Amino acid sequence: MENKEYISSGILELYVYGLLTEAENIKVSKMAKANTDIDAEIVSIEKAIINLSTSFSPFLSVENFAKIKSKLEIKHARIIELNENKSSKFQYLGWAAAAIFFLGAGYLYNNKSLIENHVVNLETDRSKLKEVLVLTEKKSNKNQEDLAIIQNSKNKLVSLGGQSVSPTSYA
């Protein structure tokens, strides 16, 4: 490809815009180093892009800036110097509030732990009481069965006399 055909192909514009692949960029760079016409065309494309971008950007002169500033009523504000050595009551109040917050959070965390331990103890006591209740109900049922046997109307009372060893005994 001749220099004029290469220049008119549009590849140099893509090179300047950075839209070519890495291999094509290397090829165009080598050709620009070898041919001054191609190098001059690349420089002229870059200048054209810079001129185009500056033609669209607004230029404000000092007078125009001053007029805009006066219309917006921007005035130099009083400069307030910060004295870092100055301590105020609000600073101490803020630190005191932070300390109180920290102590309150610690107190609440401790309270929460105590309550959790108390709940665990109550749950173990409850489970023990349930076991005792079950055992008591079993004994009560057994006693009810025994009492039902004794109170049965088919049972008769028989007095037994003593034996020859002790005739005054009875059962």
Protein backbone atom coordinates (compact mmCIF):
# COMPACT_ATOMS: atom_id res chain seq x y z
CA MET A 1 0.00 0.00 0.00
CA GLU A 2 1.44 3.37 -0.97
CA ASN A 3 1.73 6.24 1.47
CA LYS A 4 -1.15 8.24 -0.08
CA GLU A 5 -3.47 5.24 -0.09
CA TYR A 6 -2.51 4.45 3.51
CA ILE A 7 -3.16 8.05 4.55
CA SER A 8 -6.56 8.17 2.83
CA SER A 9 -7.67 4.77 4.18
CA GLY A 10 -8.62 6.16 7.63
CA ILE A 11 -6.32 3.84 9.55
CA LEU A 12 -4.26 6.78 10.83
CA GLU A 13 -7.36 8.40 12.34
CA LEU A 14 -8.18 5.16 14.14
CA TYR A 15 -4.57 5.01 15.32
CA VAL A 16 -4.80 8.52 16.80
CA TYR A 17 -8.15 7.71 18.48
CA GLY A 18 -6.64 4.52 19.94
CA LEU A 19 -9.17 2.19 18.32
CA LEU A 20 -6.76 -0.21 16.60
CA THR A 21 -5.59 -3.54 17.96
CA GLU A 22 -2.16 -3.85 19.47
CA ALA A 23 -0.71 -5.51 16.36
CA GLU A 24 -2.13 -2.79 14.08
CA ASN A 25 -0.79 -0.08 16.44
CA ILE A 26 2.71 -1.56 16.18
CA LYS A 27 2.46 -1.73 12.37
CA VAL A 28 1.34 1.93 12.10
CA SER A 29 4.06 3.04 14.53
CA LYS A 30 6.76 1.30 12.43
CA MET A 31 5.41 2.88 9.24
CA ALA A 32 5.38 6.34 10.90
CA LYS A 33 9.04 5.93 11.87
CA ALA A 34 9.96 4.81 8.35
CA ASN A 35 7.92 7.40 6.38
CA THR A 36 7.92 11.09 7.24
CA ASP A 37 4.70 11.64 5.23
CA ILE A 38 2.77 9.26 7.49
CA ASP A 39 4.35 10.76 10.62
CA ALA A 40 3.42 14.28 9.46
CA GLU A 41 -0.15 13.14 8.76
CA ILE A 42 -0.44 11.66 12.30
CA VAL A 43 0.78 14.97 13.80
CA SER A 44 -1.70 16.95 11.67
CA ILE A 45 -4.59 14.67 12.77
CA GLU A 46 -3.63 15.18 16.43
CA LYS A 47 -3.49 18.96 15.95
CA ALA A 48 -6.89 18.92 14.25
CA ILE A 49 -8.40 17.02 17.19
CA ILE A 50 -6.90 19.46 19.69
CA ASN A 51 -8.19 22.46 17.68
CA LEU A 52 -11.64 20.89 17.45
CA SER A 53 -11.83 20.23 21.18
CA THR A 54 -10.68 23.75 22.11
CA SER A 55 -13.20 25.30 19.73
CA PHE A 56 -16.04 23.68 21.69
CA SER A 57 -14.72 24.53 25.16
CA PRO A 58 -15.77 27.95 26.46
CA PHE A 59 -13.12 30.53 27.23
CA LEU A 60 -13.81 32.91 30.05
CA SER A 61 -11.77 36.02 30.22
CA VAL A 62 -11.05 37.72 33.52
CA GLU A 63 -13.65 40.42 32.78
CA ASN A 64 -16.33 37.87 31.99
CA PHE A 65 -15.53 35.92 35.15
CA ALA A 66 -15.75 39.10 37.23
CA LYS A 67 -19.14 39.97 35.67
CA ILE A 68 -20.52 36.50 36.40
CA LYS A 69 -19.14 36.64 39.92
CA SER A 70 -20.75 40.02 40.59
CA LYS A 71 -24.11 38.84 39.22
CA LEU A 72 -23.97 35.78 41.43
CA GLU A 73 -23.01 38.05 44.33
CA ILE A 74 -20.05 35.92 45.28
CA LYS A 75 -17.99 37.91 47.67
CA HIS A 76 -14.99 37.00 49.64
CA ALA A 77 -16.21 35.47 52.81
CA ARG A 78 -14.61 36.21 56.11
CA ILE A 79 -11.90 33.68 56.84
CA ILE A 80 -12.47 31.90 60.10
CA GLU A 81 -9.30 30.72 61.66
CA LEU A 82 -9.44 27.38 63.39
CA ASN A 83 -7.70 27.29 66.69
CA GLU A 84 -6.85 23.70 67.42
CA ASN A 85 -5.77 24.44 70.98
CA LYS A 86 -9.16 25.83 71.86
CA SER A 87 -11.28 23.36 73.76
CA SER A 88 -14.97 23.91 74.14
CA LYS A 89 -17.60 22.61 76.49
CA PHE A 90 -19.21 20.76 73.58
CA GLN A 91 -16.06 18.75 73.03
CA TYR A 92 -16.04 17.61 76.67
CA LEU A 93 -19.78 17.00 76.51
CA GLY A 94 -19.28 14.79 73.45
CA TRP A 95 -16.59 12.73 75.17
CA ALA A 96 -18.75 12.43 78.28
CA ALA A 97 -21.70 11.25 76.17
CA ALA A 98 -19.48 8.69 74.45
CA ALA A 99 -18.23 7.41 77.82
CA ILE A 100 -21.79 7.17 79.19
CA PHE A 101 -22.88 5.35 76.04
CA PHE A 102 -19.98 2.92 76.38
CA LEU A 103 -20.70 2.26 80.06
CA GLY A 104 -24.42 1.84 79.33
CA ALA A 105 -23.68 -0.66 76.58
CA GLY A 106 -21.42 -2.61 78.96
CA TYR A 107 -24.09 -2.59 81.68
CA LEU A 108 -26.75 -3.82 79.26
CA TYR A 109 -24.46 -6.56 77.95
CA ASN A 110 -23.74 -7.70 81.51
CA ASN A 111 -27.46 -7.62 82.36
CA LYS A 112 -28.23 -9.67 79.25
CA SER A 113 -25.67 -12.30 80.27
CA LEU A 114 -27.12 -12.53 83.78
CA ILE A 115 -30.65 -12.90 82.42
CA GLU A 116 -29.55 -15.61 79.99
CA ASN A 117 -27.92 -17.54 82.85
CA HIS A 118 -31.08 -17.14 84.94
CA VAL A 119 -33.22 -18.47 82.07
CA VAL A 120 -30.96 -21.50 81.69
CA ASN A 121 -31.22 -22.21 85.43
CA LEU A 122 -35.00 -21.89 85.32
CA GLU A 123 -35.21 -24.29 82.38
CA THR A 124 -33.15 -26.92 84.20
CA ASP A 125 -35.32 -26.51 87.32
CA ARG A 126 -38.41 -26.87 85.17
CA SER A 127 -37.16 -30.08 83.60
CA LYS A 128 -36.36 -31.50 87.07
CA LEU A 129 -39.82 -30.59 88.29
CA LYS A 130 -41.35 -32.30 85.25
CA GLU A 131 -39.47 -35.49 86.11
CA VAL A 132 -40.66 -35.32 89.73
CA LEU A 133 -44.23 -34.75 88.52
CA VAL A 134 -44.09 -37.79 86.24
CA LEU A 135 -42.77 -39.97 89.08
CA THR A 136 -45.43 -38.65 91.46
CA GLU A 137 -48.18 -39.35 88.92
CA LYS A 138 -46.93 -42.94 88.52
CA LYS A 139 -46.97 -43.47 92.31
CA SER A 140 -50.43 -41.93 92.52
CA ASN A 141 -51.74 -44.25 89.81
CA LYS A 142 -50.21 -47.27 91.60
CA ASN A 143 -51.81 -46.18 94.89
CA GLN A 144 -55.16 -45.72 93.13
CA GLU A 145 -54.95 -49.26 91.75
CA ASP A 146 -54.11 -50.66 95.18
CA LEU A 147 -56.93 -48.71 96.79
CA ALA A 148 -59.38 -49.93 94.12
CA ILE A 149 -58.40 -53.51 94.91
CA ILE A 150 -58.96 -52.97 98.63
CA GLN A 151 -62.28 -51.18 98.11
CA ASN A 152 -63.64 -53.82 95.77
CA SER A 153 -67.03 -55.08 97.02
CA LYS A 154 -66.17 -58.68 96.12
CA ASN A 155 -63.49 -58.74 98.78
CA LYS A 156 -64.59 -60.04 102.18
CA LEU A 157 -63.17 -59.35 105.57
CA VAL A 158 -61.98 -62.53 107.33
CA SER A 159 -60.55 -62.45 110.79
CA LEU A 160 -57.79 -64.94 111.36
CA GLY A 161 -57.15 -66.48 114.70
CA GLY A 162 -53.81 -66.94 116.36
CA GLN A 163 -51.63 -70.01 116.16
CA SER A 164 -50.92 -72.47 118.84
CA VAL A 165 -47.76 -70.65 119.90
CA SER A 166 -49.69 -67.43 120.51
CA PRO A 167 -53.44 -67.98 120.57
CA THR A 168 -54.27 -64.36 121.41
CA SER A 169 -52.70 -63.02 118.17
CA TYR A 170 -54.80 -62.17 115.14
CA ALA A 171 -54.42 -60.85 111.68
